[in-house]
Amino acid sequence: MENRKTSKFLIIYQDINTEDTFTSEEVIDATKAHVEHCRDLDERGILFLCGPLIGKEEKGMFILNAKSYEEAEGYVLRDPLIARKGYKTYLIQQIQEANAENNYLLEFYTNMEM
C-alpha cells in the first residue's frame, strides 16, 4: 500500500440473502470470486483481518486499511458477495485504534471534560 495516512474500518456483512434462489454452482462461483477479492486486498496491504463471525446468524467481517469511509465502501461494493447480493446489508465503522503507541487512548478518555 502506498505511503499515506490510513485508518482501520470494521465491516460487517449481515442479512444473508435466503430469498433469492442461487444454484450450487452460482454459490461456488461467488465464493471463489470473493476469495480472489480477499487475496487481492491482502496482497495490496488493504486487508488487515477477515473471517466469518461465529454465532446463530451467518455474518462475515473485515478490518480494512483505508483512507476514508468512501474508500472502504468501494472495496466492499466490489466484493462479489455484496455485488451479487449474497448479503443484503453491510455496516462500516471506522476504528479508533488503541495501542501501546497511544497508551491505549488513556489520555484521550481521562482528559475529557465531564
PDB file of N, CA and C in Angstrom:
ATOM      1  N   MET A   1       0.855  -1.176   0.000  1.00  0.00           N
ATOM      2  CA  MET A   1       0.000   0.000   0.000  1.00  0.00           C
ATOM      3  C   MET A   1       0.892   1.228   0.000  1.00  0.00           C
ATOM      4  N   GLU A   2       0.546   2.207  -0.791  1.00  0.00           N
ATOM      5  CA  GLU A   2       1.356   3.408  -0.874  1.00  0.00           C
ATOM      6  C   GLU A   2       1.372   4.139   0.466  1.00  0.00           C
ATOM      7  N   ASN A   3       2.407   4.961   0.688  1.00  0.00           N
ATOM      8  CA  ASN A   3       2.543   5.689   1.945  1.00  0.00           C
ATOM      9  C   ASN A   3       1.520   6.812   2.019  1.00  0.00           C
ATOM     10  N   ARG A   4       0.557   6.655   2.879  1.00  0.00           N
ATOM     11  CA  ARG A   4      -0.447   7.672   3.125  1.00  0.00           C
ATOM     12  C   ARG A   4      -1.142   7.331   4.432  1.00  0.00           C
ATOM     13  N   LYS A   5      -1.772   8.313   5.024  1.00  0.00           N
ATOM     14  CA  LYS A   5      -2.449   8.108   6.299  1.00  0.00           C
ATOM     15  C   LYS A   5      -3.694   7.257   6.083  1.00  0.00           C
ATOM     16  N   THR A   6      -3.733   6.129   6.739  1.00  0.00           N
ATOM     17  CA  THR A   6      -4.902   5.272   6.648  1.00  0.00           C
ATOM     18  C   THR A   6      -5.477   5.028   8.042  1.00  0.00           C
ATOM     19  N   SER A   7      -6.698   4.639   8.052  1.00  0.00           N
ATOM     20  CA  SER A   7      -7.395   4.228   9.263  1.00  0.00           C
ATOM     21  C   SER A   7      -7.877   2.806   9.049  1.00  0.00           C
ATOM     22  N   LYS A   8      -8.292   2.191  10.124  1.00  0.00           N
ATOM     23  CA  LYS A   8      -8.878   0.864  10.021  1.00  0.00           C
ATOM     24  C   LYS A   8     -10.391   1.002  10.082  1.00  0.00           C
ATOM     25  N   PHE A   9     -11.060   0.199   9.257  1.00  0.00           N
ATOM     26  CA  PHE A   9     -12.510   0.193   9.191  1.00  0.00           C
ATOM     27  C   PHE A   9     -13.004  -1.231   9.411  1.00  0.00           C
ATOM     28  N   LEU A  10     -13.966  -1.372  10.313  1.00  0.00           N
ATOM     29  CA  LEU A  10     -14.625  -2.646  10.562  1.00  0.00           C
ATOM     30  C   LEU A  10     -15.837  -2.727   9.653  1.00  0.00           C
ATOM     31  N   ILE A  11     -15.922  -3.822   8.911  1.00  0.00           N
ATOM     32  CA  ILE A  11     -17.053  -4.044   8.024  1.00  0.00           C
ATOM     33  C   ILE A  11     -17.733  -5.341   8.455  1.00  0.00           C
ATOM     34  N   ILE A  12     -19.030  -5.283   8.636  1.00  0.00           N
ATOM     35  CA  ILE A  12     -19.815  -6.472   8.975  1.00  0.00           C
ATOM     36  C   ILE A  12     -20.781  -6.736   7.832  1.00  0.00           C
ATOM     37  N   TYR A  13     -20.683  -7.928   7.246  1.00  0.00           N
ATOM     38  CA  TYR A  13     -21.661  -8.377   6.258  1.00  0.00           C
ATOM     39  C   TYR A  13     -22.750  -9.106   7.029  1.00  0.00           C
ATOM     40  N   GLN A  14     -24.003  -8.737   6.786  1.00  0.00           N
ATOM     41  CA  GLN A  14     -25.092  -9.364   7.535  1.00  0.00           C
ATOM     42  C   GLN A  14     -26.305  -9.566   6.651  1.00  0.00           C
ATOM     43  N   ASP A  15     -27.302 -10.191   7.209  1.00  0.00           N
ATOM     44  CA  ASP A  15     -28.555 -10.461   6.495  1.00  0.00           C
ATOM     45  C   ASP A  15     -28.295 -11.249   5.208  1.00  0.00           C
ATOM     46  N   ILE A  16     -27.791 -12.461   5.391  1.00  0.00           N
ATOM     47  CA  ILE A  16     -27.519 -13.307   4.230  1.00  0.00           C
ATOM     48  C   ILE A  16     -28.803 -13.462   3.415  1.00  0.00           C
ATOM     49  N   ASN A  17     -28.670 -13.436   2.126  1.00  0.00           N
ATOM     50  CA  ASN A  17     -29.821 -13.461   1.225  1.00  0.00           C
ATOM     51  C   ASN A  17     -30.311 -14.895   1.066  1.00  0.00           C
ATOM     52  N   THR A  18     -31.447 -15.185   1.683  1.00  0.00           N
ATOM     53  CA  THR A  18     -32.062 -16.507   1.529  1.00  0.00           C
ATOM     54  C   THR A  18     -33.313 -16.437   0.659  1.00  0.00           C
ATOM     55  N   GLU A  19     -33.671 -15.227   0.224  1.00  0.00           N
ATOM     56  CA  GLU A  19     -34.879 -15.057  -0.584  1.00  0.00           C
ATOM     57  C   GLU A  19     -34.656 -15.431  -2.041  1.00  0.00           C
ATOM     58  N   ASP A  20     -33.499 -15.062  -2.572  1.00  0.00           N
ATOM     59  CA  ASP A  20     -33.210 -15.402  -3.962  1.00  0.00           C
ATOM     60  C   ASP A  20     -32.740 -16.852  -4.038  1.00  0.00           C
ATOM     61  N   THR A  21     -33.015 -17.464  -5.133  1.00  0.00           N
ATOM     62  CA  THR A  21     -32.584 -18.843  -5.330  1.00  0.00           C
ATOM     63  C   THR A  21     -31.282 -18.840  -6.136  1.00  0.00           C
ATOM     64  N   PHE A  22     -30.252 -19.340  -5.510  1.00  0.00           N
ATOM     65  CA  PHE A  22     -28.965 -19.477  -6.174  1.00  0.00           C
ATOM     66  C   PHE A  22     -28.691 -20.955  -6.365  1.00  0.00           C
ATOM     67  N   THR A  23     -28.207 -21.303  -7.538  1.00  0.00           N
ATOM     68  CA  THR A  23     -27.811 -22.689  -7.746  1.00  0.00           C
ATOM     69  C   THR A  23     -26.521 -22.936  -6.982  1.00  0.00           C
ATOM     70  N   SER A  24     -26.230 -24.187  -6.717  1.00  0.00           N
ATOM     71  CA  SER A  24     -24.985 -24.504  -6.004  1.00  0.00           C
ATOM     72  C   SER A  24     -23.772 -24.037  -6.812  1.00  0.00           C
ATOM     73  N   GLU A  25     -23.883 -24.086  -8.131  1.00  0.00           N
ATOM     74  CA  GLU A  25     -22.792 -23.600  -8.986  1.00  0.00           C
ATOM     75  C   GLU A  25     -22.588 -22.093  -8.817  1.00  0.00           C
ATOM     76  N   GLU A  26     -23.674 -21.330  -8.714  1.00  0.00           N
ATOM     77  CA  GLU A  26     -23.579 -19.882  -8.517  1.00  0.00           C
ATOM     78  C   GLU A  26     -22.982 -19.541  -7.153  1.00  0.00           C
ATOM     79  N   VAL A  27     -23.337 -20.316  -6.130  1.00  0.00           N
ATOM     80  CA  VAL A  27     -22.774 -20.099  -4.790  1.00  0.00           C
ATOM     81  C   VAL A  27     -21.276 -20.373  -4.801  1.00  0.00           C
ATOM     82  N   ILE A  28     -20.872 -21.455  -5.432  1.00  0.00           N
ATOM     83  CA  ILE A  28     -19.442 -21.792  -5.513  1.00  0.00           C
ATOM     84  C   ILE A  28     -18.696 -20.723  -6.299  1.00  0.00           C
ATOM     85  N   ASP A  29     -19.262 -20.273  -7.413  1.00  0.00           N
ATOM     86  CA  ASP A  29     -18.635 -19.241  -8.234  1.00  0.00           C
ATOM     87  C   ASP A  29     -18.473 -17.933  -7.455  1.00  0.00           C
ATOM     88  N   ALA A  30     -19.515 -17.508  -6.740  1.00  0.00           N
ATOM     89  CA  ALA A  30     -19.448 -16.273  -5.953  1.00  0.00           C
ATOM     90  C   ALA A  30     -18.443 -16.404  -4.818  1.00  0.00           C
ATOM     91  N   THR A  31     -18.375 -17.577  -4.201  1.00  0.00           N
ATOM     92  CA  THR A  31     -17.431 -17.801  -3.106  1.00  0.00           C
ATOM     93  C   THR A  31     -15.993 -17.753  -3.618  1.00  0.00           C
ATOM     94  N   LYS A  32     -15.735 -18.375  -4.747  1.00  0.00           N
ATOM     95  CA  LYS A  32     -14.390 -18.329  -5.329  1.00  0.00           C
ATOM     96  C   LYS A  32     -14.004 -16.897  -5.694  1.00  0.00           C
ATOM     97  N   ALA A  33     -14.933 -16.152  -6.269  1.00  0.00           N
ATOM     98  CA  ALA A  33     -14.660 -14.755  -6.629  1.00  0.00           C
ATOM     99  C   ALA A  33     -14.433 -13.913  -5.377  1.00  0.00           C
ATOM    100  N   HIS A  34     -15.162 -14.190  -4.303  1.00  0.00           N
ATOM    101  CA  HIS A  34     -14.980 -13.492  -3.025  1.00  0.00           C
ATOM    102  C   HIS A  34     -13.574 -13.748  -2.473  1.00  0.00           C
ATOM    103  N   VAL A  35     -13.132 -14.996  -2.521  1.00  0.00           N
ATOM    104  CA  VAL A  35     -11.791 -15.336  -2.029  1.00  0.00           C
ATOM    105  C   VAL A  35     -10.722 -14.627  -2.862  1.00  0.00           C
ATOM    106  N   GLU A  36     -10.912 -14.540  -4.164  1.00  0.00           N
ATOM    107  CA  GLU A  36      -9.968 -13.806  -5.009  1.00  0.00           C
ATOM    108  C   GLU A  36      -9.945 -12.329  -4.636  1.00  0.00           C
ATOM    109  N   HIS A  37     -11.101 -11.767  -4.326  1.00  0.00           N
ATOM    110  CA  HIS A  37     -11.184 -10.374  -3.877  1.00  0.00           C
ATOM    111  C   HIS A  37     -10.391 -10.206  -2.577  1.00  0.00           C
ATOM    112  N   CYS A  38     -10.558 -11.146  -1.648  1.00  0.00           N
ATOM    113  CA  CYS A  38      -9.805 -11.096  -0.379  1.00  0.00           C
ATOM    114  C   CYS A  38      -8.302 -11.180  -0.637  1.00  0.00           C
ATOM    115  N   ARG A  39      -7.886 -12.080  -1.510  1.00  0.00           N
ATOM    116  CA  ARG A  39      -6.462 -12.214  -1.847  1.00  0.00           C
ATOM    117  C   ARG A  39      -5.905 -10.911  -2.420  1.00  0.00           C
ATOM    118  N   ASP A  40      -6.667 -10.297  -3.306  1.00  0.00           N
ATOM    119  CA  ASP A  40      -6.236  -9.043  -3.919  1.00  0.00           C
ATOM    120  C   ASP A  40      -6.064  -7.959  -2.852  1.00  0.00           C
ATOM    121  N   LEU A  41      -7.051  -7.817  -1.956  1.00  0.00           N
ATOM    122  CA  LEU A  41      -6.942  -6.815  -0.892  1.00  0.00           C
ATOM    123  C   LEU A  41      -5.751  -7.103   0.009  1.00  0.00           C
ATOM    124  N   ASP A  42      -5.524  -8.379   0.304  1.00  0.00           N
ATOM    125  CA  ASP A  42      -4.402  -8.763   1.161  1.00  0.00           C
ATOM    126  C   ASP A  42      -3.065  -8.440   0.498  1.00  0.00           C
ATOM    127  N   GLU A  43      -2.924  -8.788  -0.763  1.00  0.00           N
ATOM    128  CA  GLU A  43      -1.683  -8.527  -1.492  1.00  0.00           C
ATOM    129  C   GLU A  43      -1.380  -7.037  -1.596  1.00  0.00           C
ATOM    130  N   ARG A  44      -2.415  -6.211  -1.609  1.00  0.00           N
ATOM    131  CA  ARG A  44      -2.245  -4.762  -1.726  1.00  0.00           C
ATOM    132  C   ARG A  44      -2.095  -4.075  -0.363  1.00  0.00           C
ATOM    133  N   GLY A  45      -2.129  -4.846   0.744  1.00  0.00           N
ATOM    134  CA  GLY A  45      -1.969  -4.275   2.071  1.00  0.00           C
ATOM    135  C   GLY A  45      -3.220  -3.598   2.607  1.00  0.00           C
ATOM    136  N   ILE A  46      -4.357  -3.878   2.002  1.00  0.00           N
ATOM    137  CA  ILE A  46      -5.620  -3.266   2.413  1.00  0.00           C
ATOM    138  C   ILE A  46      -6.320  -4.125   3.460  1.00  0.00           C
ATOM    139  N   LEU A  47      -6.250  -5.440   3.304  1.00  0.00           N
ATOM    140  CA  LEU A  47      -6.906  -6.356   4.221  1.00  0.00           C
ATOM    141  C   LEU A  47      -6.044  -6.554   5.462  1.00  0.00           C
ATOM    142  N   PHE A  48      -6.610  -6.248   6.621  1.00  0.00           N
ATOM    143  CA  PHE A  48      -5.930  -6.472   7.899  1.00  0.00           C
ATOM    144  C   PHE A  48      -6.369  -7.800   8.502  1.00  0.00           C
ATOM    145  N   LEU A  49      -7.664  -8.083   8.427  1.00  0.00           N
ATOM    146  CA  LEU A  49      -8.216  -9.295   9.041  1.00  0.00           C
ATOM    147  C   LEU A  49      -9.585  -9.551   8.437  1.00  0.00           C
ATOM    148  N   CYS A  50      -9.941 -10.818   8.265  1.00  0.00           N
ATOM    149  CA  CYS A  50     -11.294 -11.138   7.810  1.00  0.00           C
ATOM    150  C   CYS A  50     -11.673 -12.524   8.288  1.00  0.00           C
ATOM    151  N   GLY A  51     -12.961 -12.784   8.273  1.00  0.00           N
ATOM    152  CA  GLY A  51     -13.438 -14.114   8.624  1.00  0.00           C
ATOM    153  C   GLY A  51     -14.904 -14.105   8.982  1.00  0.00           C
ATOM    154  N   PRO A  52     -15.479 -15.306   9.074  1.00  0.00           N
ATOM    155  CA  PRO A  52     -16.877 -15.399   9.467  1.00  0.00           C
ATOM    156  C   PRO A  52     -17.010 -15.163  10.971  1.00  0.00           C
ATOM    157  N   LEU A  53     -18.157 -14.628  11.373  1.00  0.00           N
ATOM    158  CA  LEU A  53     -18.464 -14.476  12.785  1.00  0.00           C
ATOM    159  C   LEU A  53     -19.205 -15.724  13.241  1.00  0.00           C
ATOM    160  N   ILE A  54     -18.805 -16.243  14.366  1.00  0.00           N
ATOM    161  CA  ILE A  54     -19.399 -17.471  14.879  1.00  0.00           C
ATOM    162  C   ILE A  54     -20.635 -17.115  15.696  1.00  0.00           C
ATOM    163  N   GLY A  55     -21.736 -17.737  15.373  1.00  0.00           N
ATOM    164  CA  GLY A  55     -22.981 -17.482  16.081  1.00  0.00           C
ATOM    165  C   GLY A  55     -24.148 -18.041  15.315  1.00  0.00           C
ATOM    166  N   LYS A  56     -25.330 -17.672  15.751  1.00  0.00           N
ATOM    167  CA  LYS A  56     -26.556 -18.190  15.140  1.00  0.00           C
ATOM    168  C   LYS A  56     -26.785 -17.620  13.750  1.00  0.00           C
ATOM    169  N   GLU A  57     -26.418 -16.364  13.551  1.00  0.00           N
ATOM    170  CA  GLU A  57     -26.614 -15.727  12.252  1.00  0.00           C
ATOM    171  C   GLU A  57     -25.341 -15.831  11.432  1.00  0.00           C
ATOM    172  N   GLU A  58     -25.511 -15.994  10.131  1.00  0.00           N
ATOM    173  CA  GLU A  58     -24.358 -16.050   9.246  1.00  0.00           C
ATOM    174  C   GLU A  58     -23.923 -14.631   8.909  1.00  0.00           C
ATOM    175  N   LYS A  59     -22.792 -14.230   9.461  1.00  0.00           N
ATOM    176  CA  LYS A  59     -22.240 -12.904   9.213  1.00  0.00           C
ATOM    177  C   LYS A  59     -20.754 -13.065   8.909  1.00  0.00           C
ATOM    178  N   GLY A  60     -20.223 -12.080   8.231  1.00  0.00           N
ATOM    179  CA  GLY A  60     -18.795 -12.044   7.968  1.00  0.00           C
ATOM    180  C   GLY A  60     -18.254 -10.687   8.352  1.00  0.00           C
ATOM    181  N   MET A  61     -16.940 -10.617   8.597  1.00  0.00           N
ATOM    182  CA  MET A  61     -16.360  -9.328   8.951  1.00  0.00           C
ATOM    183  C   MET A  61     -14.996  -9.161   8.305  1.00  0.00           C
ATOM    184  N   PHE A  62     -14.675  -7.897   8.103  1.00  0.00           N
ATOM    185  CA  PHE A  62     -13.379  -7.484   7.586  1.00  0.00           C
ATOM    186  C   PHE A  62     -12.883  -6.331   8.439  1.00  0.00           C
ATOM    187  N   ILE A  63     -11.593  -6.231   8.573  1.00  0.00           N
ATOM    188  CA  ILE A  63     -10.972  -4.995   9.023  1.00  0.00           C
ATOM    189  C   ILE A  63     -10.057  -4.589   7.873  1.00  0.00           C
ATOM    190  N   LEU A  64     -10.332  -3.405   7.321  1.00  0.00           N
ATOM    191  CA  LEU A  64      -9.595  -2.912   6.161  1.00  0.00           C
ATOM    192  C   LEU A  64      -8.818  -1.650   6.508  1.00  0.00           C
ATOM    193  N   ASN A  65      -7.681  -1.480   5.869  1.00  0.00           N
ATOM    194  CA  ASN A  65      -6.920  -0.233   5.914  1.00  0.00           C
ATOM    195  C   ASN A  65      -7.407   0.623   4.760  1.00  0.00           C
ATOM    196  N   ALA A  66      -7.904   1.809   5.071  1.00  0.00           N
ATOM    197  CA  ALA A  66      -8.408   2.705   4.026  1.00  0.00           C
ATOM    198  C   ALA A  66      -8.227   4.145   4.466  1.00  0.00           C
ATOM    199  N   LYS A  67      -8.190   5.025   3.491  1.00  0.00           N
ATOM    200  CA  LYS A  67      -8.002   6.449   3.755  1.00  0.00           C
ATOM    201  C   LYS A  67      -9.297   7.120   4.210  1.00  0.00           C
ATOM    202  N   SER A  68     -10.441   6.563   3.804  1.00  0.00           N
ATOM    203  CA  SER A  68     -11.728   7.176   4.124  1.00  0.00           C
ATOM    204  C   SER A  68     -12.819   6.113   4.140  1.00  0.00           C
ATOM    205  N   TYR A  69     -13.962   6.509   4.691  1.00  0.00           N
ATOM    206  CA  TYR A  69     -15.145   5.654   4.667  1.00  0.00           C
ATOM    207  C   TYR A  69     -15.487   5.289   3.223  1.00  0.00           C
ATOM    208  N   GLU A  70     -15.443   6.282   2.346  1.00  0.00           N
ATOM    209  CA  GLU A  70     -15.796   6.062   0.942  1.00  0.00           C
ATOM    210  C   GLU A  70     -14.874   5.050   0.271  1.00  0.00           C
ATOM    211  N   GLU A  71     -13.584   5.122   0.598  1.00  0.00           N
ATOM    212  CA  GLU A  71     -12.651   4.150   0.031  1.00  0.00           C
ATOM    213  C   GLU A  71     -12.962   2.752   0.543  1.00  0.00           C
ATOM    214  N   ALA A  72     -13.211   2.619   1.841  1.00  0.00           N
ATOM    215  CA  ALA A  72     -13.563   1.316   2.418  1.00  0.00           C
ATOM    216  C   ALA A  72     -14.833   0.768   1.773  1.00  0.00           C
ATOM    217  N   GLU A  73     -15.819   1.625   1.592  1.00  0.00           N
ATOM    218  CA  GLU A  73     -17.067   1.184   0.982  1.00  0.00           C
ATOM    219  C   GLU A  73     -16.849   0.743  -0.464  1.00  0.00           C
ATOM    220  N   GLY A  74     -15.944   1.400  -1.166  1.00  0.00           N
ATOM    221  CA  GLY A  74     -15.632   0.981  -2.529  1.00  0.00           C
ATOM    222  C   GLY A  74     -15.116  -0.451  -2.585  1.00  0.00           C
ATOM    223  N   TYR A  75     -14.264  -0.829  -1.629  1.00  0.00           N
ATOM    224  CA  TYR A  75     -13.776  -2.211  -1.566  1.00  0.00           C
ATOM    225  C   TYR A  75     -14.923  -3.179  -1.285  1.00  0.00           C
ATOM    226  N   VAL A  76     -15.823  -2.773  -0.401  1.00  0.00           N
ATOM    227  CA  VAL A  76     -16.978  -3.607  -0.067  1.00  0.00           C
ATOM    228  C   VAL A  76     -17.857  -3.804  -1.297  1.00  0.00           C
ATOM    229  N   LEU A  77     -18.147  -2.742  -2.001  1.00  0.00           N
ATOM    230  CA  LEU A  77     -19.054  -2.829  -3.151  1.00  0.00           C
ATOM    231  C   LEU A  77     -18.478  -3.658  -4.292  1.00  0.00           C
ATOM    232  N   ARG A  78     -17.155  -3.812  -4.333  1.00  0.00           N
ATOM    233  CA  ARG A  78     -16.526  -4.646  -5.362  1.00  0.00           C
ATOM    234  C   ARG A  78     -16.465  -6.120  -4.952  1.00  0.00           C
ATOM    235  N   ASP A  79     -16.799  -6.424  -3.706  1.00  0.00           N
ATOM    236  CA  ASP A  79     -16.782  -7.817  -3.253  1.00  0.00           C
ATOM    237  C   ASP A  79     -17.944  -8.564  -3.912  1.00  0.00           C
ATOM    238  N   PRO A  80     -17.661  -9.670  -4.572  1.00  0.00           N
ATOM    239  CA  PRO A  80     -18.729 -10.420  -5.236  1.00  0.00           C
ATOM    240  C   PRO A  80     -19.870 -10.851  -4.314  1.00  0.00           C
ATOM    241  N   LEU A  81     -19.612 -11.071  -3.033  1.00  0.00           N
ATOM    242  CA  LEU A  81     -20.698 -11.454  -2.138  1.00  0.00           C
ATOM    243  C   LEU A  81     -21.669 -10.304  -1.894  1.00  0.00           C
ATOM    244  N   ILE A  82     -21.215  -9.090  -2.064  1.00  0.00           N
ATOM    245  CA  ILE A  82     -22.102  -7.931  -1.974  1.00  0.00           C
ATOM    246  C   ILE A  82     -22.677  -7.620  -3.356  1.00  0.00           C
ATOM    247  N   ALA A  83     -21.808  -7.561  -4.365  1.00  0.00           N
ATOM    248  CA  ALA A  83     -22.246  -7.214  -5.721  1.00  0.00           C
ATOM    249  C   ALA A  83     -23.294  -8.200  -6.256  1.00  0.00           C
ATOM    250  N   ARG A  84     -23.157  -9.468  -5.897  1.00  0.00           N
ATOM    251  CA  ARG A  84     -24.109 -10.483  -6.371  1.00  0.00           C
ATOM    252  C   ARG A  84     -25.241 -10.724  -5.375  1.00  0.00           C
ATOM    253  N   LYS A  85     -25.339  -9.847  -4.390  1.00  0.00           N
ATOM    254  CA  LYS A  85     -26.441  -9.871  -3.405  1.00  0.00           C
ATOM    255  C   LYS A  85     -26.446 -11.111  -2.524  1.00  0.00           C
ATOM    256  N   GLY A  86     -25.260 -11.647  -2.216  1.00  0.00           N
ATOM    257  CA  GLY A  86     -25.167 -12.765  -1.275  1.00  0.00           C
ATOM    258  C   GLY A  86     -25.533 -12.334   0.135  1.00  0.00           C
ATOM    259  N   TYR A  87     -25.176 -11.096   0.471  1.00  0.00           N
ATOM    260  CA  TYR A  87     -25.600 -10.469   1.721  1.00  0.00           C
ATOM    261  C   TYR A  87     -26.431  -9.251   1.350  1.00  0.00           C
ATOM    262  N   LYS A  88     -27.501  -9.022   2.111  1.00  0.00           N
ATOM    263  CA  LYS A  88     -28.379  -7.893   1.814  1.00  0.00           C
ATOM    264  C   LYS A  88     -27.813  -6.577   2.327  1.00  0.00           C
ATOM    265  N   THR A  89     -27.139  -6.606   3.455  1.00  0.00           N
ATOM    266  CA  THR A  89     -26.666  -5.366   4.060  1.00  0.00           C
ATOM    267  C   THR A  89     -25.254  -5.528   4.608  1.00  0.00           C
ATOM    268  N   TYR A  90     -24.639  -4.391   4.855  1.00  0.00           N
ATOM    269  CA  TYR A  90     -23.330  -4.349   5.491  1.00  0.00           C
ATOM    270  C   TYR A  90     -23.262  -3.086   6.333  1.00  0.00           C
ATOM    271  N   LEU A  91     -22.418  -3.124   7.334  1.00  0.00           N
ATOM    272  CA  LEU A  91     -22.141  -1.967   8.178  1.00  0.00           C
ATOM    273  C   LEU A  91     -20.671  -1.637   8.062  1.00  0.00           C
ATOM    274  N   ILE A  92     -20.345  -0.363   8.064  1.00  0.00           N
ATOM    275  CA  ILE A  92     -18.947   0.081   8.058  1.00  0.00           C
ATOM    276  C   ILE A  92     -18.768   1.046   9.218  1.00  0.00           C
ATOM    277  N   GLN A  93     -17.758   0.789  10.038  1.00  0.00           N
ATOM    278  CA  GLN A  93     -17.474   1.656  11.175  1.00  0.00           C
ATOM    279  C   GLN A  93     -15.970   1.886  11.261  1.00  0.00           C
ATOM    280  N   GLN A  94     -15.558   3.148  11.320  1.00  0.00           N
ATOM    281  CA  GLN A  94     -14.145   3.461  11.491  1.00  0.00           C
ATOM    282  C   GLN A  94     -13.728   3.092  12.905  1.00  0.00           C
ATOM    283  N   ILE A  95     -12.531   2.547  13.047  1.00  0.00           N
ATOM    284  CA  ILE A  95     -12.000   2.125  14.339  1.00  0.00           C
ATOM    285  C   ILE A  95     -11.009   3.168  14.832  1.00  0.00           C
ATOM    286  N   GLN A  96     -11.147   3.576  16.082  1.00  0.00           N
ATOM    287  CA  GLN A  96     -10.121   4.400  16.715  1.00  0.00           C
ATOM    288  C   GLN A  96      -9.207   3.414  17.433  1.00  0.00           C
ATOM    289  N   GLU A  97      -8.063   3.169  16.834  1.00  0.00           N
ATOM    290  CA  GLU A  97      -7.178   2.131  17.330  1.00  0.00           C
ATOM    291  C   GLU A  97      -6.511   2.550  18.637  1.00  0.00           C
ATOM    292  N   ALA A  98      -6.597   1.666  19.627  1.00  0.00           N
ATOM    293  CA  ALA A  98      -5.905   1.848  20.900  1.00  0.00           C
ATOM    294  C   ALA A  98      -4.730   0.875  20.911  1.00  0.00           C
ATOM    295  N   ASN A  99      -3.536   1.405  21.188  1.00  0.00           N
ATOM    296  CA  ASN A  99      -2.345   0.566  21.175  1.00  0.00           C
ATOM    297  C   ASN A  99      -1.287   1.156  22.112  1.00  0.00           C
ATOM    298  N   ALA A 100      -0.146   0.497  22.209  1.00  0.00           N
ATOM    299  CA  ALA A 100       0.917   0.965  23.097  1.00  0.00           C
ATOM    300  C   ALA A 100       1.408   2.355  22.700  1.00  0.00           C
ATOM    301  N   GLU A 101       1.460   2.608  21.409  1.00  0.00           N
ATOM    302  CA  GLU A 101       1.954   3.898  20.917  1.00  0.00           C
ATOM    303  C   GLU A 101       1.127   5.081  21.425  1.00  0.00           C
ATOM    304  N   ASN A 102      -0.187   4.903  21.567  1.00  0.00           N
ATOM    305  CA  ASN A 102      -1.033   5.991  22.067  1.00  0.00           C
ATOM    306  C   ASN A 102      -1.552   5.706  23.488  1.00  0.00           C
ATOM    307  N   ASN A 103      -0.818   4.851  24.204  1.00  0.00           N
ATOM    308  CA  ASN A 103      -1.130   4.492  25.596  1.00  0.00           C
ATOM    309  C   ASN A 103      -2.576   4.009  25.724  1.00  0.00           C
ATOM    310  N   TYR A 104      -3.011   3.268  24.729  1.00  0.00           N
ATOM    311  CA  TYR A 104      -4.342   2.676  24.715  1.00  0.00           C
ATOM    312  C   TYR A 104      -5.445   3.713  24.951  1.00  0.00           C
ATOM    313  N   LEU A 105      -5.184   4.932  24.462  1.00  0.00           N
ATOM    314  CA  LEU A 105      -6.128   6.055  24.495  1.00  0.00           C
ATOM    315  C   LEU A 105      -6.461   6.528  25.911  1.00  0.00           C
ATOM    316  N   LEU A 106      -5.601   6.206  26.873  1.00  0.00           N
ATOM    317  CA  LEU A 106      -5.852   6.606  28.254  1.00  0.00           C
ATOM    318  C   LEU A 106      -6.027   8.113  28.378  1.00  0.00           C
ATOM    319  N   GLU A 107      -5.105   8.888  27.812  1.00  0.00           N
ATOM    320  CA  GLU A 107      -5.186  10.342  27.916  1.00  0.00           C
ATOM    321  C   GLU A 107      -6.434  10.892  27.226  1.00  0.00           C
ATOM    322  N   PHE A 108      -6.793  10.311  26.129  1.00  0.00           N
ATOM    323  CA  PHE A 108      -7.984  10.767  25.406  1.00  0.00           C
ATOM    324  C   PHE A 108      -9.227  10.666  26.294  1.00  0.00           C
ATOM    325  N   TYR A 109      -9.366   9.534  26.981  1.00  0.00           N
ATOM    326  CA  TYR A 109     -10.567   9.320  27.787  1.00  0.00           C
ATOM    327  C   TYR A 109     -10.488   9.912  29.173  1.00  0.00           C
ATOM    328  N   THR A 110      -9.295  10.159  29.710  1.00  0.00           N
ATOM    329  CA  THR A 110      -9.206  10.739  31.063  1.00  0.00           C
ATOM    330  C   THR A 110      -9.114  12.251  31.031  1.00  0.00           C
ATOM    331  N   ASN A 111      -8.881  12.866  29.860  1.00  0.00           N
ATOM    332  CA  ASN A 111      -8.813  14.314  29.752  1.00  0.00           C
ATOM    333  C   ASN A 111     -10.083  14.926  29.180  1.00  0.00           C
ATOM    334  N   MET A 112     -11.107  14.135  29.067  1.00  0.00           N
ATOM    335  CA  MET A 112     -12.380  14.639  28.533  1.00  0.00           C
ATOM    336  C   MET A 112     -13.083  15.445  29.622  1.00  0.00           C
ATOM    337  N   GLU A 113     -13.685  16.541  29.210  1.00  0.00           N
ATOM    338  CA  GLU A 113     -14.449  17.348  30.165  1.00  0.00           C
ATOM    339  C   GLU A 113     -15.787  16.676  30.414  1.00  0.00           C
ATOM    340  N   MET A 114     -16.149  16.594  31.646  1.00  0.00           N
ATOM    341  CA  MET A 114     -17.411  15.955  32.017  1.00  0.00           C
ATOM    342  C   MET A 114     -18.507  16.974  32.110  1.00  0.00           C
TER     343      MET A 114
END
